[in-house]
C-alpha atoms as a PDB file:
ATOM      1  CA  MET A   1     111.776  66.441  36.838  1.00  0.00           C
ATOM      2  CA  ASN A   2     111.123  66.866  40.725  1.00  0.00           C
ATOM      3  CA  ILE A   3     114.227  65.303  41.402  1.00  0.00           C
ATOM      4  CA  ARG A   4     116.307  67.516  39.436  1.00  0.00           C
ATOM      5  CA  VAL A   5     114.701  70.307  41.065  1.00  0.00           C
ATOM      6  CA  PHE A   6     115.450  68.416  44.196  1.00  0.00           C
ATOM      7  CA  LEU A   7     119.097  67.912  43.135  1.00  0.00           C
ATOM      8  CA  LEU A   8     119.639  70.935  42.183  1.00  0.00           C
ATOM      9  CA  ALA A   9     118.466  72.769  45.571  1.00  0.00           C
ATOM     10  CA  CYS A  10     120.737  70.134  47.198  1.00  0.00           C
ATOM     11  CA  LEU A  11     123.829  71.039  45.519  1.00  0.00           C
ATOM     12  CA  ALA A  12     123.202  74.825  46.246  1.00  0.00           C
ATOM     13  CA  MET A  13     123.088  74.111  49.992  1.00  0.00           C
ATOM     14  CA  LEU A  14     126.168  72.606  49.495  1.00  0.00           C
ATOM     15  CA  ILE A  15     127.998  75.387  47.651  1.00  0.00           C
ATOM     16  CA  ALA A  16     126.552  78.168  50.043  1.00  0.00           C
ATOM     17  CA  CYS A  17     127.770  75.838  53.079  1.00  0.00           C
ATOM     18  CA  ALA A  18     131.334  75.543  51.412  1.00  0.00           C
ATOM     19  CA  ALA A  19     131.652  79.177  50.592  1.00  0.00           C
ATOM     20  CA  PRO A  20     134.178  81.283  53.008  1.00  0.00           C
ATOM     21  CA  GLN A  21     132.626  83.163  55.018  1.00  0.00           C
ATOM     22  CA  PRO A  22     135.009  86.133  56.598  1.00  0.00           C
ATOM     23  CA  ALA A  23     136.753  85.509  60.004  1.00  0.00           C
ATOM     24  CA  ALA A  24     134.844  87.412  63.156  1.00  0.00           C
ATOM     25  CA  ILE A  25     137.072  89.497  65.413  1.00  0.00           C
ATOM     26  CA  ALA A  26     136.934  90.527  69.011  1.00  0.00           C
ATOM     27  CA  THR A  27     136.721  94.177  69.335  1.00  0.00           C
ATOM     28  CA  PRO A  28     135.580  95.822  73.025  1.00  0.00           C
ATOM     29  CA  SER A  29     132.224  96.780  72.669  1.00  0.00           C
ATOM     30  CA  MET A  30     132.283 100.842  73.399  1.00  0.00           C
ATOM     31  CA  SER A  31     128.062 100.963  72.742  1.00  0.00           C
ATOM     32  CA  GLY A  32     128.275 104.676  74.379  1.00  0.00           C
ATOM     33  CA  ALA A  33     129.474 103.572  77.699  1.00  0.00           C
ATOM     34  CA  GLN A  34     132.275 105.675  79.396  1.00  0.00           C
ATOM     35  CA  PRO A  35     135.737 103.820  79.594  1.00  0.00           C
ATOM     36  CA  GLU A  36     135.120 103.958  83.537  1.00  0.00           C
ATOM     37  CA  GLN A  37     131.736 102.536  83.052  1.00  0.00           C
ATOM     38  CA  GLN A  38     133.282  99.878  79.967  1.00  0.00           C
ATOM     39  CA  ALA A  39     135.571  98.307  82.336  1.00  0.00           C
ATOM     40  CA  ALA A  40     133.185  95.260  84.023  1.00  0.00           C
ATOM     41  CA  ASP A  41     132.320  96.840  87.672  1.00  0.00           C
ATOM     42  CA  ARG A  42     135.663  98.234  88.219  1.00  0.00           C
ATOM     43  CA  VAL A  43     137.902  94.866  87.875  1.00  0.00           C
ATOM     44  CA  LEU A  44     141.354  94.383  86.823  1.00  0.00           C
ATOM     45  CA  ILE A  45     142.444  91.499  85.460  1.00  0.00           C
ATOM     46  CA  VAL A  46     146.108  90.911  86.745  1.00  0.00           C
ATOM     47  CA  LEU A  47     148.819  88.346  85.170  1.00  0.00           C
ATOM     48  CA  TYR A  48     151.602  87.445  87.744  1.00  0.00           C
ATOM     49  CA  ASP A  49     154.539  85.786  87.320  1.00  0.00           C
ATOM     50  CA  PRO A  50     154.588  81.693  88.999  1.00  0.00           C
ATOM     51  CA  ALA A  51     157.971  81.704  89.858  1.00  0.00           C
ATOM     52  CA  VAL A  52     157.292  84.705  92.320  1.00  0.00           C
ATOM     53  CA  GLY A  53     154.387  83.230  92.868  1.00  0.00           C
ATOM     54  CA  ALA A  54     150.260  84.838  93.617  1.00  0.00           C
ATOM     55  CA  GLU A  55     151.250  85.924  97.252  1.00  0.00           C
ATOM     56  CA  PRO A  56     152.592  89.278  96.805  1.00  0.00           C
ATOM     57  CA  LEU A  57     149.833  90.243  94.508  1.00  0.00           C
ATOM     58  CA  LEU A  58     147.561  88.791  97.143  1.00  0.00           C
ATOM     59  CA  GLN A  59     148.807  90.534  99.647  1.00  0.00           C
ATOM     60  CA  ALA A  60     148.672  94.012  97.723  1.00  0.00           C
ATOM     61  CA  VAL A  61     145.061  93.440  96.912  1.00  0.00           C
ATOM     62  CA  ARG A  62     143.927  92.983 100.720  1.00  0.00           C
ATOM     63  CA  GLU A  63     146.282  96.276 101.596  1.00  0.00           C
ATOM     64  CA  MET A  64     143.938  98.024  98.673  1.00  0.00           C
ATOM     65  CA  GLN A  65     140.969  96.683 100.436  1.00  0.00           C
ATOM     66  CA  ALA A  66     139.869  95.218  96.783  1.00  0.00           C
ATOM     67  CA  GLU A  67     137.792  92.475  96.364  1.00  0.00           C
ATOM     68  CA  LEU A  68     139.025  89.242  94.952  1.00  0.00           C
ATOM     69  CA  VAL A  69     136.991  88.301  92.001  1.00  0.00           C
ATOM     70  CA  TYR A  70     138.255  85.005  90.592  1.00  0.00           C
ATOM     71  CA  ARG A  71     141.692  83.359  90.613  1.00  0.00           C
ATOM     72  CA  TYR A  72     142.985  82.245  87.184  1.00  0.00           C
ATOM     73  CA  THR A  73     144.753  79.081  87.600  1.00  0.00           C
ATOM     74  CA  ASN A  74     145.599  78.239  83.823  1.00  0.00           C
ATOM     75  CA  ILE A  75     147.050  81.272  83.120  1.00  0.00           C
ATOM     76  CA  ASN A  76     148.458  82.605  86.825  1.00  0.00           C
ATOM     77  CA  GLY A  77     146.046  85.732  87.017  1.00  0.00           C
ATOM     78  CA  ILE A  78     143.327  86.556  89.512  1.00  0.00           C
ATOM     79  CA  ALA A  79     140.159  89.307  88.969  1.00  0.00           C
ATOM     80  CA  ALA A  80     140.218  91.988  91.565  1.00  0.00           C
ATOM     81  CA  ARG A  81     137.373  94.720  92.208  1.00  0.00           C
ATOM     82  CA  ILE A  82     138.952  97.823  93.128  1.00  0.00           C
ATOM     83  CA  PRO A  83     136.729  99.758  95.289  1.00  0.00           C
ATOM     84  CA  PRO A  84     134.651 103.348  94.749  1.00  0.00           C
ATOM     85  CA  PRO A  85     136.937 105.741  96.222  1.00  0.00           C
ATOM     86  CA  GLN A  86     140.021 104.490  95.056  1.00  0.00           C
ATOM     87  CA  GLU A  87     140.963 106.098  91.200  1.00  0.00           C
ATOM     88  CA  MET A  88     141.621 102.914  88.405  1.00  0.00           C
ATOM     89  CA  ALA A  89     144.617 104.373  87.037  1.00  0.00           C
ATOM     90  CA  GLN A  90     146.148 104.860  90.318  1.00  0.00           C
ATOM     91  CA  ALA A  91     145.367 100.903  91.325  1.00  0.00           C
ATOM     92  CA  ILE A  92     146.599 100.035  88.143  1.00  0.00           C
ATOM     93  CA  HIS A  93     149.667 101.715  88.576  1.00  0.00           C
ATOM     94  CA  ARG A  94     150.104 100.268  92.092  1.00  0.00           C
ATOM     95  CA  LEU A  95     149.487  96.674  91.138  1.00  0.00           C
ATOM     96  CA  GLU A  96     152.041  96.835  88.170  1.00  0.00           C
ATOM     97  CA  ARG A  97     154.649  97.606  90.789  1.00  0.00           C
ATOM     98  CA  VAL A  98     154.118  94.024  92.786  1.00  0.00           C
ATOM     99  CA  PRO A  99     156.863  92.017  92.335  1.00  0.00           C
ATOM    100  CA  GLY A 100     155.806  89.149  90.081  1.00  0.00           C
ATOM    101  CA  VAL A 101     153.120  91.634  88.395  1.00  0.00           C
ATOM    102  CA  LEU A 102     153.941  90.675  84.317  1.00  0.00           C
ATOM    103  CA  GLN A 103     150.430  92.550  83.071  1.00  0.00           C
ATOM    104  CA  VAL A 104     147.282  94.700  84.387  1.00  0.00           C
ATOM    105  CA  GLN A 105     144.195  95.369  82.202  1.00  0.00           C
ATOM    106  CA  ARG A 106     141.062  96.325  82.668  1.00  0.00           C
ATOM    107  CA  ASP A 107     138.345  93.774  82.421  1.00  0.00           C
ATOM    108  CA  GLN A 108     135.936  94.329  79.661  1.00  0.00           C
ATOM    109  CA  MET A 109     132.975  93.428  77.208  1.00  0.00           C
ATOM    110  CA  MET A 110     134.536  91.703  73.909  1.00  0.00           C
ATOM    111  CA  GLN A 111     132.128  91.572  71.262  1.00  0.00           C
ATOM    112  CA  LEU A 112     132.629  89.514  68.271  1.00  0.00           C
ATOM    113  CA  GLN A 113     131.884  91.355  64.690  1.00  0.00           C
ATOM    114  CA  ASN A 114     132.022  90.767  61.662  1.00  0.00           C
ATOM    115  CA  PRO A 115     134.112  93.092  60.145  1.00  0.00           C
ATOM    116  CA  ALA A 116     131.972  93.369  56.450  1.00  0.00           C
ATOM    117  CA  ALA A 117     129.252  94.638  58.238  1.00  0.00           C
ATOM    118  CA  HIS A 118     131.348  97.653  58.603  1.00  0.00           C
END
């Protein structure tokens, strides 16, 4: 009798493990923070065209007196922290006009959530 119970428990665990789980999705974490605060310490992620290169973008970052936080080599991009006196919207607009810049986005925290939990 004990072997039957043990085998039944093992079978139940295997079935539970094999059951499909809903996929988790990434959504911006908006835990009550303002959009300006939600952006990771005023950091912008900027992607550039490798054919143009990073130099025009790096020059613009220096002229804006922004801090180069990170240089992404695999995706041809940088992370730059914009100093507080500058408006983020103006900094984004200025960087978007730099030759070779493909995309400018605010760095933000992403949180995995289970859509069934809502």
